[in-house]
N, C-alpha and C. Protein backbone atom coordinates (compact mmCIF):
# COMPACT_ATOMS: atom_id res chain seq x y z
N MET A 1 24.64 -1.91 3.14
CA MET A 1 23.46 -2.11 3.94
C MET A 1 23.21 -3.61 4.11
N LYS A 2 22.76 -3.93 5.29
CA LYS A 2 22.50 -5.33 5.59
C LYS A 2 21.33 -5.40 6.56
N ALA A 3 20.39 -6.30 6.29
CA ALA A 3 19.25 -6.48 7.17
C ALA A 3 19.71 -7.04 8.51
N ARG A 4 18.95 -6.71 9.57
CA ARG A 4 19.26 -7.24 10.90
C ARG A 4 19.07 -8.75 10.94
N ILE A 5 17.99 -9.22 10.34
CA ILE A 5 17.70 -10.65 10.20
C ILE A 5 16.98 -10.83 8.87
N GLU A 6 16.89 -12.05 8.44
CA GLU A 6 16.08 -12.32 7.25
C GLU A 6 14.63 -11.97 7.58
N SER A 7 13.86 -11.59 6.60
CA SER A 7 12.48 -11.18 6.83
C SER A 7 11.70 -12.25 7.58
N PRO A 8 11.06 -11.88 8.69
CA PRO A 8 10.22 -12.84 9.41
C PRO A 8 9.11 -13.42 8.53
N ALA A 9 8.67 -12.67 7.55
CA ALA A 9 7.63 -13.19 6.65
C ALA A 9 8.13 -14.37 5.84
N VAL A 10 9.44 -14.44 5.65
CA VAL A 10 10.05 -15.54 4.91
C VAL A 10 10.47 -16.67 5.85
N THR A 11 10.95 -16.33 7.03
CA THR A 11 11.51 -17.35 7.92
C THR A 11 10.47 -18.07 8.78
N VAL A 12 9.37 -17.40 9.08
CA VAL A 12 8.33 -18.06 9.89
C VAL A 12 7.46 -18.89 8.96
N PRO A 13 7.41 -20.20 9.17
CA PRO A 13 6.63 -21.07 8.29
C PRO A 13 5.16 -20.61 8.16
N GLY A 14 4.74 -20.48 6.92
CA GLY A 14 3.36 -20.12 6.62
C GLY A 14 3.07 -18.64 6.61
N ALA A 15 3.98 -17.81 7.07
CA ALA A 15 3.71 -16.37 7.17
C ALA A 15 3.52 -15.71 5.81
N ILE A 16 4.45 -15.93 4.90
CA ILE A 16 4.33 -15.26 3.60
C ILE A 16 3.10 -15.77 2.85
N GLN A 17 2.78 -17.04 3.02
CA GLN A 17 1.58 -17.59 2.38
C GLN A 17 0.32 -16.93 2.95
N ALA A 18 0.32 -16.65 4.24
CA ALA A 18 -0.83 -15.98 4.85
C ALA A 18 -0.99 -14.57 4.28
N PHE A 19 0.13 -13.86 4.15
CA PHE A 19 0.08 -12.52 3.54
C PHE A 19 -0.41 -12.61 2.09
N GLN A 20 0.07 -13.59 1.36
CA GLN A 20 -0.34 -13.75 -0.04
C GLN A 20 -1.82 -14.08 -0.15
N ARG A 21 -2.34 -14.90 0.75
CA ARG A 21 -3.78 -15.22 0.74
C ARG A 21 -4.61 -13.98 1.05
N LEU A 22 -4.15 -13.18 2.00
CA LEU A 22 -4.86 -11.94 2.32
C LEU A 22 -4.86 -11.00 1.12
N ALA A 23 -3.72 -10.87 0.45
CA ALA A 23 -3.63 -10.01 -0.74
C ALA A 23 -4.57 -10.50 -1.83
N ALA A 24 -4.64 -11.81 -2.02
CA ALA A 24 -5.54 -12.38 -3.03
C ALA A 24 -6.99 -12.10 -2.67
N ALA A 25 -7.34 -12.21 -1.41
CA ALA A 25 -8.71 -11.93 -0.97
C ALA A 25 -9.06 -10.47 -1.23
N VAL A 26 -8.14 -9.58 -0.93
CA VAL A 26 -8.37 -8.14 -1.16
C VAL A 26 -8.58 -7.86 -2.65
N ARG A 27 -7.78 -8.51 -3.51
CA ARG A 27 -7.92 -8.29 -4.96
C ARG A 27 -9.28 -8.74 -5.48
N HIS A 28 -9.96 -9.60 -4.75
CA HIS A 28 -11.28 -10.07 -5.17
C HIS A 28 -12.43 -9.21 -4.64
N THR A 29 -12.12 -8.08 -4.02
CA THR A 29 -13.17 -7.21 -3.49
C THR A 29 -13.63 -6.17 -4.50
N GLY A 30 -12.97 -6.08 -5.63
CA GLY A 30 -13.39 -5.15 -6.67
C GLY A 30 -12.63 -3.83 -6.70
N ILE A 31 -11.68 -3.66 -5.83
CA ILE A 31 -10.88 -2.43 -5.82
C ILE A 31 -9.88 -2.51 -6.97
N PRO A 32 -9.78 -1.45 -7.79
CA PRO A 32 -8.80 -1.49 -8.88
C PRO A 32 -7.37 -1.68 -8.36
N ASP A 33 -6.58 -2.45 -9.10
CA ASP A 33 -5.19 -2.68 -8.71
C ASP A 33 -4.45 -1.37 -8.51
N THR A 34 -4.69 -0.38 -9.39
CA THR A 34 -3.97 0.88 -9.28
C THR A 34 -4.30 1.59 -7.97
N THR A 35 -5.54 1.47 -7.51
CA THR A 35 -5.90 2.06 -6.22
C THR A 35 -5.16 1.35 -5.09
N LEU A 36 -5.08 0.03 -5.17
CA LEU A 36 -4.33 -0.71 -4.16
C LEU A 36 -2.86 -0.30 -4.15
N TYR A 37 -2.27 -0.12 -5.32
CA TYR A 37 -0.87 0.31 -5.39
C TYR A 37 -0.69 1.69 -4.76
N LEU A 38 -1.64 2.60 -5.02
CA LEU A 38 -1.57 3.94 -4.43
C LEU A 38 -1.64 3.87 -2.91
N VAL A 39 -2.55 3.05 -2.40
CA VAL A 39 -2.69 2.86 -0.95
C VAL A 39 -1.37 2.32 -0.38
N GLN A 40 -0.80 1.34 -1.04
CA GLN A 40 0.45 0.74 -0.58
C GLN A 40 1.59 1.75 -0.62
N MET A 41 1.63 2.55 -1.67
CA MET A 41 2.67 3.58 -1.79
C MET A 41 2.54 4.62 -0.68
N ARG A 42 1.32 5.11 -0.46
CA ARG A 42 1.15 6.19 0.52
C ARG A 42 1.47 5.72 1.94
N ALA A 43 0.99 4.57 2.34
CA ALA A 43 1.31 4.06 3.68
C ALA A 43 2.81 3.85 3.81
N SER A 44 3.43 3.33 2.77
CA SER A 44 4.87 3.06 2.81
C SER A 44 5.68 4.35 2.87
N GLN A 45 5.19 5.42 2.23
CA GLN A 45 5.85 6.72 2.35
C GLN A 45 5.79 7.21 3.78
N ILE A 46 4.62 7.13 4.38
CA ILE A 46 4.43 7.59 5.76
C ILE A 46 5.33 6.80 6.70
N ASN A 47 5.43 5.49 6.49
CA ASN A 47 6.19 4.62 7.38
C ASN A 47 7.67 4.50 7.02
N GLY A 48 8.08 5.10 5.91
CA GLY A 48 9.48 5.06 5.52
C GLY A 48 9.99 3.68 5.15
N CYS A 49 9.16 2.90 4.44
CA CYS A 49 9.55 1.54 4.06
C CYS A 49 10.05 1.52 2.62
N ALA A 50 11.36 1.50 2.47
CA ALA A 50 11.97 1.51 1.13
C ALA A 50 11.62 0.27 0.33
N VAL A 51 11.58 -0.89 0.99
CA VAL A 51 11.27 -2.14 0.29
C VAL A 51 9.89 -2.02 -0.37
N CYS A 52 8.89 -1.60 0.39
CA CYS A 52 7.53 -1.52 -0.14
C CYS A 52 7.39 -0.41 -1.17
N LEU A 53 8.07 0.72 -0.96
CA LEU A 53 8.03 1.79 -1.96
C LEU A 53 8.62 1.31 -3.28
N ASP A 54 9.74 0.63 -3.20
CA ASP A 54 10.38 0.09 -4.39
C ASP A 54 9.45 -0.90 -5.09
N MET A 55 8.91 -1.85 -4.32
CA MET A 55 8.07 -2.88 -4.90
C MET A 55 6.81 -2.30 -5.55
N HIS A 56 6.10 -1.46 -4.84
CA HIS A 56 4.82 -0.98 -5.35
C HIS A 56 4.97 0.09 -6.42
N SER A 57 6.06 0.82 -6.42
CA SER A 57 6.30 1.75 -7.52
C SER A 57 6.61 0.96 -8.80
N ARG A 58 7.32 -0.15 -8.67
CA ARG A 58 7.57 -1.02 -9.83
C ARG A 58 6.26 -1.62 -10.35
N GLU A 59 5.39 -2.04 -9.42
CA GLU A 59 4.09 -2.57 -9.84
C GLU A 59 3.29 -1.52 -10.58
N MET A 60 3.30 -0.30 -10.08
CA MET A 60 2.56 0.77 -10.74
C MET A 60 3.12 1.02 -12.14
N LYS A 61 4.43 1.06 -12.23
CA LYS A 61 5.09 1.27 -13.53
C LYS A 61 4.73 0.13 -14.49
N ASN A 62 4.79 -1.11 -14.01
CA ASN A 62 4.45 -2.27 -14.83
C ASN A 62 2.99 -2.24 -15.27
N ALA A 63 2.13 -1.63 -14.47
CA ALA A 63 0.71 -1.51 -14.80
C ALA A 63 0.45 -0.36 -15.77
N GLY A 64 1.51 0.34 -16.15
CA GLY A 64 1.38 1.43 -17.12
C GLY A 64 1.07 2.79 -16.51
N GLU A 65 1.23 2.91 -15.20
CA GLU A 65 0.96 4.19 -14.55
C GLU A 65 1.99 5.23 -14.98
N PRO A 66 1.56 6.45 -15.28
CA PRO A 66 2.50 7.49 -15.71
C PRO A 66 3.37 7.99 -14.56
N ASP A 67 4.54 8.47 -14.91
CA ASP A 67 5.50 8.97 -13.91
C ASP A 67 4.90 10.06 -13.03
N GLU A 68 4.01 10.88 -13.59
CA GLU A 68 3.41 11.97 -12.82
C GLU A 68 2.67 11.44 -11.59
N ARG A 69 1.98 10.34 -11.76
CA ARG A 69 1.24 9.77 -10.62
C ARG A 69 2.19 9.19 -9.58
N LEU A 70 3.21 8.50 -10.03
CA LEU A 70 4.18 7.95 -9.09
C LEU A 70 4.89 9.05 -8.31
N ALA A 71 5.23 10.12 -9.01
CA ALA A 71 6.00 11.20 -8.39
C ALA A 71 5.19 12.04 -7.42
N THR A 72 3.86 11.99 -7.52
CA THR A 72 3.05 12.90 -6.71
C THR A 72 2.14 12.22 -5.69
N VAL A 73 2.36 10.95 -5.43
CA VAL A 73 1.52 10.25 -4.46
C VAL A 73 1.55 10.96 -3.11
N ALA A 74 2.72 11.39 -2.66
CA ALA A 74 2.83 12.04 -1.36
C ALA A 74 2.11 13.38 -1.32
N ALA A 75 1.92 13.98 -2.47
CA ALA A 75 1.24 15.29 -2.56
C ALA A 75 -0.08 15.16 -3.32
N TRP A 76 -0.78 14.08 -3.11
CA TRP A 76 -2.00 13.78 -3.87
C TRP A 76 -3.06 14.87 -3.75
N ARG A 77 -3.11 15.58 -2.66
CA ARG A 77 -4.11 16.64 -2.49
C ARG A 77 -3.88 17.80 -3.46
N GLU A 78 -2.61 18.03 -3.80
CA GLU A 78 -2.25 19.16 -4.65
C GLU A 78 -2.05 18.77 -6.12
N ALA A 79 -2.13 17.50 -6.43
CA ALA A 79 -1.87 17.03 -7.79
C ALA A 79 -3.17 16.66 -8.50
N PRO A 80 -3.28 16.99 -9.78
CA PRO A 80 -4.53 16.73 -10.52
C PRO A 80 -4.66 15.32 -11.08
N TYR A 81 -3.76 14.42 -10.72
CA TYR A 81 -3.68 13.12 -11.38
C TYR A 81 -4.50 12.00 -10.74
N PHE A 82 -5.29 12.31 -9.73
CA PHE A 82 -5.99 11.27 -8.98
C PHE A 82 -7.50 11.49 -9.03
N THR A 83 -8.24 10.40 -9.15
CA THR A 83 -9.70 10.48 -9.17
C THR A 83 -10.23 10.77 -7.76
N ASP A 84 -11.49 11.15 -7.68
CA ASP A 84 -12.10 11.38 -6.38
C ASP A 84 -12.09 10.10 -5.53
N ALA A 85 -12.33 8.96 -6.16
CA ALA A 85 -12.31 7.69 -5.43
C ALA A 85 -10.91 7.40 -4.91
N GLU A 86 -9.88 7.62 -5.73
CA GLU A 86 -8.51 7.40 -5.28
C GLU A 86 -8.15 8.34 -4.13
N ARG A 87 -8.61 9.58 -4.22
CA ARG A 87 -8.35 10.56 -3.15
C ARG A 87 -8.99 10.09 -1.84
N ALA A 88 -10.19 9.55 -1.93
CA ALA A 88 -10.87 9.05 -0.73
C ALA A 88 -10.08 7.87 -0.14
N ALA A 89 -9.58 6.99 -0.99
CA ALA A 89 -8.79 5.85 -0.52
C ALA A 89 -7.47 6.33 0.10
N LEU A 90 -6.86 7.33 -0.49
CA LEU A 90 -5.61 7.86 0.05
C LEU A 90 -5.83 8.56 1.40
N ALA A 91 -6.93 9.30 1.52
CA ALA A 91 -7.24 9.95 2.80
C ALA A 91 -7.48 8.90 3.89
N LEU A 92 -8.21 7.84 3.55
CA LEU A 92 -8.45 6.77 4.51
C LEU A 92 -7.13 6.10 4.89
N THR A 93 -6.28 5.89 3.92
CA THR A 93 -4.97 5.29 4.18
C THR A 93 -4.17 6.13 5.16
N GLU A 94 -4.10 7.43 4.91
CA GLU A 94 -3.35 8.32 5.81
C GLU A 94 -3.92 8.28 7.22
N ALA A 95 -5.24 8.38 7.33
CA ALA A 95 -5.86 8.38 8.66
C ALA A 95 -5.60 7.07 9.39
N ALA A 96 -5.79 5.95 8.71
CA ALA A 96 -5.62 4.64 9.35
C ALA A 96 -4.15 4.34 9.65
N THR A 97 -3.25 4.89 8.88
CA THR A 97 -1.82 4.67 9.10
C THR A 97 -1.30 5.53 10.24
N ARG A 98 -1.90 6.70 10.42
CA ARG A 98 -1.44 7.63 11.46
C ARG A 98 -2.37 7.63 12.67
N ILE A 99 -2.77 6.48 13.13
CA ILE A 99 -3.78 6.42 14.19
C ILE A 99 -3.32 7.04 15.51
N ALA A 100 -2.04 7.12 15.76
CA ALA A 100 -1.55 7.69 17.01
C ALA A 100 -1.45 9.22 16.95
N ASP A 101 -1.67 9.81 15.79
CA ASP A 101 -1.45 11.25 15.62
C ASP A 101 -2.59 12.14 16.10
N ARG A 102 -3.76 11.58 16.34
CA ARG A 102 -4.88 12.41 16.79
C ARG A 102 -5.88 11.58 17.59
N SER A 103 -6.72 12.27 18.33
CA SER A 103 -7.67 11.57 19.21
C SER A 103 -8.76 10.86 18.43
N ASN A 104 -9.12 11.38 17.28
CA ASN A 104 -10.13 10.74 16.42
C ASN A 104 -9.42 10.38 15.12
N PRO A 105 -8.66 9.27 15.13
CA PRO A 105 -7.76 8.99 14.02
C PRO A 105 -8.42 8.84 12.65
N VAL A 106 -9.60 8.26 12.59
CA VAL A 106 -10.30 8.12 11.32
C VAL A 106 -11.65 8.85 11.47
N PRO A 107 -11.64 10.15 11.18
CA PRO A 107 -12.86 10.93 11.36
C PRO A 107 -13.99 10.47 10.43
N ASP A 108 -15.22 10.72 10.86
CA ASP A 108 -16.38 10.31 10.07
C ASP A 108 -16.35 10.87 8.66
N ASP A 109 -15.88 12.11 8.48
CA ASP A 109 -15.88 12.70 7.14
C ASP A 109 -14.94 11.94 6.20
N VAL A 110 -13.83 11.44 6.71
CA VAL A 110 -12.90 10.64 5.89
C VAL A 110 -13.56 9.31 5.53
N TRP A 111 -14.16 8.67 6.52
CA TRP A 111 -14.84 7.39 6.28
C TRP A 111 -16.01 7.58 5.32
N ASP A 112 -16.82 8.61 5.56
CA ASP A 112 -18.01 8.85 4.73
C ASP A 112 -17.64 9.13 3.28
N GLU A 113 -16.55 9.85 3.07
CA GLU A 113 -16.11 10.12 1.69
C GLU A 113 -15.68 8.82 1.01
N ALA A 114 -14.98 7.97 1.73
CA ALA A 114 -14.60 6.67 1.16
C ALA A 114 -15.86 5.85 0.86
N ALA A 115 -16.83 5.89 1.76
CA ALA A 115 -18.07 5.12 1.57
C ALA A 115 -18.90 5.64 0.40
N ARG A 116 -18.70 6.89 0.01
CA ARG A 116 -19.38 7.43 -1.18
C ARG A 116 -18.87 6.77 -2.46
N HIS A 117 -17.63 6.32 -2.43
CA HIS A 117 -16.98 5.80 -3.64
C HIS A 117 -16.83 4.29 -3.67
N TYR A 118 -16.96 3.65 -2.52
CA TYR A 118 -16.71 2.22 -2.45
C TYR A 118 -17.86 1.51 -1.74
N SER A 119 -18.17 0.31 -2.22
CA SER A 119 -19.19 -0.52 -1.57
C SER A 119 -18.66 -1.00 -0.22
N GLU A 120 -19.53 -1.63 0.55
CA GLU A 120 -19.10 -2.14 1.85
C GLU A 120 -18.00 -3.19 1.69
N THR A 121 -18.13 -4.04 0.69
CA THR A 121 -17.10 -5.06 0.43
C THR A 121 -15.79 -4.39 0.03
N GLU A 122 -15.87 -3.38 -0.81
CA GLU A 122 -14.66 -2.67 -1.22
C GLU A 122 -14.03 -1.93 -0.04
N LEU A 123 -14.86 -1.32 0.80
CA LEU A 123 -14.33 -0.66 2.00
C LEU A 123 -13.61 -1.66 2.89
N ALA A 124 -14.22 -2.82 3.07
CA ALA A 124 -13.58 -3.87 3.86
C ALA A 124 -12.23 -4.25 3.23
N GLY A 125 -12.20 -4.35 1.91
CA GLY A 125 -10.95 -4.64 1.21
C GLY A 125 -9.91 -3.55 1.41
N LEU A 126 -10.35 -2.29 1.37
CA LEU A 126 -9.42 -1.18 1.61
C LEU A 126 -8.84 -1.26 3.02
N VAL A 127 -9.69 -1.50 4.01
CA VAL A 127 -9.21 -1.61 5.39
C VAL A 127 -8.18 -2.74 5.50
N LEU A 128 -8.46 -3.87 4.88
CA LEU A 128 -7.51 -4.99 4.93
C LEU A 128 -6.22 -4.66 4.17
N ALA A 129 -6.34 -3.96 3.04
CA ALA A 129 -5.15 -3.57 2.28
C ALA A 129 -4.28 -2.61 3.10
N ILE A 130 -4.92 -1.66 3.76
CA ILE A 130 -4.18 -0.70 4.60
C ILE A 130 -3.52 -1.43 5.77
N THR A 131 -4.25 -2.32 6.39
CA THR A 131 -3.71 -3.11 7.50
C THR A 131 -2.53 -3.95 7.05
N SER A 132 -2.67 -4.60 5.91
CA SER A 132 -1.62 -5.46 5.39
C SER A 132 -0.35 -4.69 5.07
N ILE A 133 -0.48 -3.56 4.37
CA ILE A 133 0.73 -2.81 4.00
C ILE A 133 1.40 -2.23 5.22
N ASN A 134 0.62 -1.82 6.21
CA ASN A 134 1.23 -1.34 7.45
C ASN A 134 1.99 -2.46 8.14
N SER A 135 1.46 -3.68 8.10
CA SER A 135 2.17 -4.83 8.68
C SER A 135 3.49 -5.08 7.95
N TRP A 136 3.43 -5.07 6.62
CA TRP A 136 4.66 -5.25 5.84
C TRP A 136 5.66 -4.15 6.17
N ASN A 137 5.18 -2.91 6.26
CA ASN A 137 6.08 -1.79 6.58
C ASN A 137 6.76 -2.01 7.93
N LEU A 138 5.98 -2.43 8.92
CA LEU A 138 6.55 -2.66 10.26
C LEU A 138 7.59 -3.77 10.26
N ILE A 139 7.30 -4.84 9.55
CA ILE A 139 8.26 -5.95 9.45
C ILE A 139 9.56 -5.46 8.81
N ASN A 140 9.43 -4.79 7.67
CA ASN A 140 10.61 -4.38 6.91
C ASN A 140 11.44 -3.32 7.62
N VAL A 141 10.77 -2.33 8.19
CA VAL A 141 11.49 -1.26 8.87
C VAL A 141 12.13 -1.77 10.16
N THR A 142 11.41 -2.54 10.94
CA THR A 142 11.93 -3.06 12.21
C THR A 142 13.17 -3.93 12.01
N THR A 143 13.14 -4.75 10.97
CA THR A 143 14.26 -5.69 10.75
C THR A 143 15.30 -5.15 9.76
N GLY A 144 15.10 -3.93 9.29
CA GLY A 144 16.09 -3.30 8.41
C GLY A 144 16.24 -3.97 7.07
N GLN A 145 15.12 -4.43 6.49
CA GLN A 145 15.20 -5.10 5.19
C GLN A 145 15.70 -4.11 4.13
N VAL A 146 16.51 -4.62 3.21
CA VAL A 146 17.14 -3.80 2.19
C VAL A 146 16.46 -4.07 0.85
N THR A 147 16.11 -3.01 0.17
CA THR A 147 15.45 -3.17 -1.12
C THR A 147 16.47 -3.42 -2.23
N GLY A 148 16.00 -3.56 -3.43
CA GLY A 148 16.89 -3.78 -4.57
C GLY A 148 16.75 -5.18 -5.11
N GLU A 149 17.79 -5.97 -4.96
CA GLU A 149 17.77 -7.33 -5.50
C GLU A 149 16.63 -8.16 -4.92
N TRP A 150 16.36 -7.99 -3.62
CA TRP A 150 15.29 -8.77 -2.98
C TRP A 150 13.96 -8.48 -3.65
N VAL A 151 13.68 -7.21 -3.91
CA VAL A 151 12.41 -6.84 -4.55
C VAL A 151 12.38 -7.34 -5.99
N SER A 152 13.51 -7.29 -6.66
CA SER A 152 13.57 -7.72 -8.06
C SER A 152 13.14 -9.17 -8.25
N GLN A 153 13.37 -10.01 -7.26
CA GLN A 153 12.98 -11.41 -7.40
C GLN A 153 11.46 -11.59 -7.37
N TRP A 154 10.74 -10.62 -6.82
CA TRP A 154 9.29 -10.73 -6.68
C TRP A 154 8.53 -9.99 -7.77
N ILE A 155 9.17 -8.99 -8.38
CA ILE A 155 8.49 -8.14 -9.36
C ILE A 155 9.23 -8.21 -10.69
N SER A 156 8.50 -8.52 -11.72
CA SER A 156 9.06 -8.48 -13.07
C SER A 156 9.23 -7.02 -13.47
N THR A 157 10.28 -6.72 -14.19
CA THR A 157 10.50 -5.34 -14.63
C THR A 157 9.87 -5.05 -15.98
N GLU A 158 9.23 -6.05 -16.58
CA GLU A 158 8.57 -5.83 -17.86
C GLU A 158 7.15 -5.36 -17.63
N LYS A 159 6.70 -4.44 -18.50
CA LYS A 159 5.33 -3.93 -18.38
C LYS A 159 4.33 -5.03 -18.68
N ALA A 160 3.22 -4.96 -17.95
CA ALA A 160 2.14 -5.91 -18.18
C ALA A 160 1.52 -5.66 -19.55
N SER A 161 1.11 -6.72 -20.20
CA SER A 161 0.52 -6.56 -21.53
C SER A 161 -0.95 -6.31 -21.45
């Protein structure tokens, strides 16, 4: 496997730094890291982005997340391993990621359930996190980025203390 081109996020001056600044801003909104990882995993599953699935599953593992949660993100509705707040974030992620699939892509009931669990600042952070991961997915899938060694340089394989 070989990428079509080097990642535009790396080759365009300032691009990766802009993504990193956005990620840092989102982390300061109060959303738990594990929720952000779940959001990133679910959008990446929908979009078929191996690079992001590899990266964020490693982050979840390093954060001490159990295998059951990693294995069932795609089936979160049927799995008992997710909190109500995480379920609301996952539903919002699916709706916002699949905006072309229906006439009312983010229905009020999905938004209202997320708003029950998250403050306005946290909701704003979730929207930015969903937007960001979808952007990464589009970059990686469009340019055929290959996971593995590339992801290893960004993520430590040791568990966080």
